[in-house]
Amino acid sequence: MALPTVFTYHPQTKEFMGKDTAPIDPEESRVAEKKVYRPNAWSTPIKPATHPAPAGQANVFDESAGKWNLVEDHRGAVYDTSTGAERQHHDLGPLPTNLTDQAPASPFDSWDGAAGAWSFDPVKSAGSRRVAIAGDCRDAITAGRVCNTLGTDHTYPTSERDQANLAAQVLAAQINGASGEPYKFWCADPQGAWARRPHTAAQILAVGEAVRKHVTACQDQYEALTQQLDALAASTTTTKADIAAVTWI
């Protein structure tokens, strides 16, 4: 005679673990003068009605009611609905309201509680794009400016320190004019050789004006692009492609 089958479950979570056979209890069998089977701890002869459990659910044994229940199973990767950050979830049962097992499609999605789904958030996306464009503007400003004030194209540095140094030379030329010449300033010739080259008052003023226009043009472009992003962030029809199209030229 085959030993009776029992169905085992986890001692803490009560989740279905598998099948086993109930061993004979020697003492009970002796007293009863027949074979008496005693299920192992954390097992039951009751078979789960639905086995295997459907995806996203688990069979859990209710010891007090003596029956199996299907319970939600969201263990594994879940996502914080306020930040979109991934975390590991270890408990059976419904998820807390601040978690979902749906992954956001992008870092710029926000959780729509009413719809129970992520949706593209143009405000987040525009904010991130604004930060990138600010970096592009800064890089463009400090990339240098080519001027032919010395008769051929020379590249002038435009870092913040270089702009300050140039401003001092321009001020000196405005005050002293030709009497303060030469006004030496770093620049690279067409072959890329850097040197602190002499300039006349008119030449250093021309360089200063060229750099001023260069910085202003970059700032104007940044302002125009951020205005575009502000408009897109305020629109309910903005798409990811709309935000991505706002780029530094």
Protein backbone atom coordinates (compact mmCIF):
# COMPACT_ATOMS: atom_id res chain seq x y z
CA MET A 1 0.00 0.00 0.00
CA ALA A 2 1.40 3.39 -1.02
CA LEU A 3 2.06 5.91 1.70
CA PRO A 4 -0.47 8.76 1.74
CA THR A 5 0.58 11.99 -0.02
CA VAL A 6 0.82 15.21 1.92
CA PHE A 7 1.44 18.75 0.71
CA THR A 8 4.12 20.74 2.48
CA TYR A 9 4.30 24.48 3.09
CA HIS A 10 6.86 26.97 4.36
CA PRO A 11 6.84 27.31 8.18
CA GLN A 12 6.87 31.13 8.05
CA THR A 13 5.08 32.15 4.87
CA LYS A 14 2.86 29.02 4.65
CA GLU A 15 3.56 29.00 0.91
CA PHE A 16 3.22 25.69 -0.93
CA MET A 17 6.58 23.91 -1.13
CA GLY A 18 5.84 20.51 -2.70
CA LYS A 19 4.58 16.98 -2.16
CA ASP A 20 5.76 14.39 0.36
CA THR A 21 4.57 11.16 1.92
CA ALA A 22 3.24 10.86 5.45
CA PRO A 23 5.39 8.52 7.57
CA ILE A 24 3.98 5.82 9.80
CA ASP A 25 3.73 6.76 13.47
CA PRO A 26 5.06 3.65 15.27
CA GLU A 27 3.57 4.44 18.69
CA GLU A 28 0.11 5.33 17.36
CA SER A 29 0.19 2.26 15.12
CA ARG A 30 1.05 0.01 18.08
CA VAL A 31 -1.79 1.37 20.17
CA ALA A 32 -4.28 1.21 17.32
CA GLU A 33 -2.94 -2.13 16.12
CA LYS A 34 -2.94 -0.81 12.60
CA LYS A 35 -0.88 1.55 10.50
CA VAL A 36 -1.37 5.13 11.54
CA TYR A 37 0.12 7.86 9.41
CA ARG A 38 1.15 11.19 10.86
CA PRO A 39 1.80 14.07 8.45
CA ASN A 40 5.11 15.83 8.81
CA ALA A 41 5.21 19.24 10.45
CA TRP A 42 4.06 21.99 8.10
CA SER A 43 2.19 19.65 5.80
CA THR A 44 -1.42 18.77 5.09
CA PRO A 45 -3.25 16.02 3.21
CA ILE A 46 -5.34 18.74 1.57
CA LYS A 47 -4.31 19.37 -2.01
CA PRO A 48 -4.29 22.95 -3.36
CA ALA A 49 -7.31 23.46 -5.61
CA THR A 50 -5.21 25.30 -8.17
CA HIS A 51 -1.76 23.90 -8.76
CA PRO A 52 0.50 25.23 -9.96
CA ALA A 53 -0.61 28.70 -8.88
CA PRO A 54 -1.23 31.23 -11.69
CA ALA A 55 1.51 33.73 -12.47
CA GLY A 56 1.67 36.50 -9.88
CA GLN A 57 0.00 34.35 -7.21
CA ALA A 58 1.05 31.72 -4.70
CA ASN A 59 -0.76 28.92 -2.84
CA VAL A 60 -0.71 29.70 0.90
CA PHE A 61 -2.13 27.35 3.54
CA ASP A 62 -4.47 28.83 6.15
CA GLU A 63 -3.86 26.59 9.16
CA SER A 64 -6.79 27.96 11.16
CA ALA A 65 -9.27 27.42 8.31
CA GLY A 66 -7.61 24.25 7.05
CA LYS A 67 -7.57 25.33 3.42
CA TRP A 68 -5.37 26.73 0.67
CA ASN A 69 -5.77 30.31 -0.56
CA LEU A 70 -4.37 32.02 -3.62
CA VAL A 71 -2.39 35.07 -2.49
CA GLU A 72 -0.83 37.82 -4.58
CA ASP A 73 2.89 37.28 -5.14
CA HIS A 74 4.92 40.36 -6.04
CA ARG A 75 8.25 39.19 -4.69
CA GLY A 76 11.26 40.38 -6.63
CA ALA A 77 11.84 43.70 -8.34
CA VAL A 78 9.26 46.40 -7.59
CA TYR A 79 9.31 50.17 -8.09
CA ASP A 80 8.68 53.12 -5.80
CA THR A 81 5.78 55.10 -7.26
CA SER A 82 7.17 58.40 -5.97
CA THR A 83 10.68 58.04 -7.42
CA GLY A 84 10.60 55.14 -9.88
CA ALA A 85 13.53 53.59 -7.99
CA GLU A 86 13.82 49.80 -8.11
CA ARG A 87 13.92 47.77 -4.91
CA GLN A 88 13.51 44.12 -3.88
CA HIS A 89 10.22 43.04 -2.28
CA HIS A 90 10.17 39.91 -0.13
CA ASP A 91 6.61 39.55 1.20
CA LEU A 92 3.55 37.74 -0.10
CA GLY A 93 0.29 39.62 -0.40
CA PRO A 94 -0.83 42.88 -2.02
CA LEU A 95 1.81 45.55 -2.54
CA PRO A 96 1.77 48.71 -0.40
CA THR A 97 0.26 51.66 -2.26
CA ASN A 98 3.71 53.25 -2.76
CA LEU A 99 5.02 50.25 -4.73
CA THR A 100 4.24 48.70 -8.11
CA ASP A 101 5.67 45.81 -10.08
CA GLN A 102 5.37 47.84 -13.28
CA ALA A 103 8.72 49.27 -14.37
CA PRO A 104 8.74 52.89 -15.57
CA ALA A 105 9.57 53.19 -19.26
CA SER A 106 12.03 56.03 -18.65
CA PRO A 107 13.48 58.13 -15.81
CA PHE A 108 10.95 60.80 -16.82
CA ASP A 109 7.80 58.81 -16.02
CA SER A 110 5.48 59.64 -13.11
CA TRP A 111 3.01 57.29 -11.48
CA ASP A 112 -0.65 57.92 -12.27
CA GLY A 113 -2.48 56.51 -9.27
CA ALA A 114 -5.91 56.81 -10.87
CA ALA A 115 -4.83 54.90 -13.97
CA GLY A 116 -2.55 52.54 -12.06
CA ALA A 117 0.22 53.06 -14.61
CA TRP A 118 3.28 55.14 -15.38
CA SER A 119 2.93 58.08 -17.76
CA PHE A 120 5.51 60.33 -19.41
CA ASP A 121 6.18 63.43 -17.31
CA PRO A 122 7.22 66.38 -19.53
CA VAL A 123 8.18 68.46 -16.48
CA LYS A 124 10.78 65.90 -15.37
CA SER A 125 12.05 65.42 -18.90
CA ALA A 126 12.29 69.14 -19.61
CA GLY A 127 14.13 69.68 -16.33
CA SER A 128 16.73 67.09 -17.22
CA ARG A 129 17.11 68.51 -20.71
CA ARG A 130 17.55 72.00 -19.25
CA VAL A 131 20.48 70.77 -17.15
CA ALA A 132 22.10 69.21 -20.23
CA ILE A 133 21.64 72.37 -22.28
CA ALA A 134 23.15 74.46 -19.48
CA GLY A 135 26.23 72.25 -19.74
CA ASP A 136 26.26 72.64 -23.53
CA CYS A 137 26.08 76.41 -23.13
CA ARG A 138 28.93 76.45 -20.65
CA ASP A 139 31.06 74.28 -22.93
CA ALA A 140 30.30 76.48 -25.94
CA ILE A 141 31.20 79.68 -24.08
CA THR A 142 34.51 78.31 -22.84
CA ALA A 143 35.49 76.58 -26.10
CA GLY A 144 37.32 79.70 -27.36
CA ARG A 145 36.71 82.32 -30.03
CA VAL A 146 38.47 82.73 -33.36
CA CYS A 147 39.33 86.33 -34.39
CA ASN A 148 41.42 87.69 -37.26
CA THR A 149 42.30 90.88 -35.42
CA LEU A 150 46.03 90.17 -35.89
CA GLY A 151 45.62 89.71 -39.64
CA THR A 152 45.09 85.94 -39.57
CA ASP A 153 42.73 83.71 -37.59
CA HIS A 154 43.86 83.37 -34.00
CA THR A 155 42.03 81.41 -31.30
CA TYR A 156 41.41 83.22 -28.02
CA PRO A 157 40.66 81.28 -24.81
CA THR A 158 37.32 82.03 -23.17
CA SER A 159 37.31 80.30 -19.80
CA GLU A 160 35.94 82.40 -16.95
CA ARG A 161 39.49 83.32 -15.90
CA ASP A 162 40.43 84.21 -19.49
CA GLN A 163 37.34 86.40 -19.83
CA ALA A 164 38.28 88.22 -16.63
CA ASN A 165 41.85 88.74 -17.85
CA LEU A 166 40.62 89.99 -21.21
CA ALA A 167 38.16 92.36 -19.52
CA ALA A 168 41.07 93.87 -17.58
CA GLN A 169 43.05 94.40 -20.79
CA VAL A 170 40.03 95.94 -22.51
CA LEU A 171 39.51 98.32 -19.61
CA ALA A 172 43.16 99.33 -19.69
CA ALA A 173 42.94 99.99 -23.45
CA GLN A 174 39.81 102.08 -22.95
CA ILE A 175 41.58 104.18 -20.32
CA ASN A 176 45.11 104.41 -21.73
CA GLY A 177 44.59 103.92 -25.47
CA ALA A 178 47.76 103.85 -27.58
CA SER A 179 49.93 105.03 -24.71
CA GLY A 180 49.43 101.72 -22.93
CA GLU A 181 50.43 99.56 -25.86
CA PRO A 182 51.25 96.78 -26.28
CA TYR A 183 48.38 94.88 -24.65
CA LYS A 184 49.60 91.29 -24.46
CA PHE A 185 47.13 88.45 -24.40
CA TRP A 186 47.27 84.69 -24.94
CA CYS A 187 46.10 83.32 -28.30
CA ALA A 188 46.94 80.48 -30.68
CA ASP A 189 48.06 81.06 -34.28
CA PRO A 190 46.70 79.02 -37.21
CA GLN A 191 49.32 76.33 -36.49
CA GLY A 192 48.09 75.97 -32.91
CA ALA A 193 51.08 77.62 -31.25
CA TRP A 194 50.05 79.46 -28.10
CA ALA A 195 51.82 82.64 -27.08
CA ARG A 196 51.17 85.87 -25.19
CA ARG A 197 51.06 88.13 -28.22
CA PRO A 198 51.12 91.96 -28.31
CA HIS A 199 48.01 93.85 -29.46
CA THR A 200 47.32 97.48 -30.15
CA ALA A 201 44.54 99.17 -28.22
CA ALA A 202 42.24 98.85 -31.23
CA GLN A 203 43.09 95.16 -31.62
CA ILE A 204 42.49 94.22 -27.97
CA LEU A 205 39.22 96.17 -28.00
CA ALA A 206 38.17 94.25 -31.11
CA VAL A 207 39.02 90.93 -29.42
CA GLY A 208 37.05 91.97 -26.35
CA GLU A 209 34.03 92.83 -28.48
CA ALA A 210 34.25 89.55 -30.39
CA VAL A 211 34.36 87.55 -27.17
CA ARG A 212 31.49 89.58 -25.71
CA LYS A 213 29.35 88.82 -28.77
CA HIS A 214 30.34 85.15 -28.57
CA VAL A 215 29.28 84.86 -24.91
CA THR A 216 26.06 86.82 -25.53
CA ALA A 217 25.15 84.61 -28.50
CA CYS A 218 25.58 81.49 -26.37
CA GLN A 219 23.48 82.95 -23.58
CA ASP A 220 20.79 84.04 -26.04
CA GLN A 221 20.63 80.52 -27.45
CA TYR A 222 20.38 79.03 -23.96
CA GLU A 223 17.56 81.43 -23.10
CA ALA A 224 15.65 80.55 -26.28
CA LEU A 225 16.02 76.81 -25.71
CA THR A 226 14.92 76.99 -22.08
CA GLN A 227 11.85 78.97 -23.14
CA GLN A 228 11.01 76.16 -25.57
CA LEU A 229 11.41 73.64 -22.74
CA ASP A 230 9.19 75.67 -20.41
CA ALA A 231 6.46 75.69 -23.05
CA LEU A 232 6.79 71.94 -23.62
CA ALA A 233 6.72 71.23 -19.88
CA ALA A 234 3.43 73.13 -19.60
CA SER A 235 1.78 71.29 -22.48
CA THR A 236 -0.34 68.16 -22.00
CA THR A 237 0.49 66.87 -25.49
CA THR A 238 4.29 66.95 -25.23
CA THR A 239 6.08 63.74 -26.19
CA LYS A 240 9.55 62.38 -25.50
CA ALA A 241 10.50 63.22 -29.08
CA ASP A 242 9.47 66.84 -28.56
CA ILE A 243 11.84 67.19 -25.60
CA ALA A 244 14.65 65.32 -27.37
CA ALA A 245 14.36 67.71 -30.34
CA VAL A 246 15.43 70.65 -28.18
CA THR A 247 19.19 70.52 -28.68
CA TRP A 248 22.16 72.84 -28.66
CA ILE A 249 23.10 73.94 -32.18
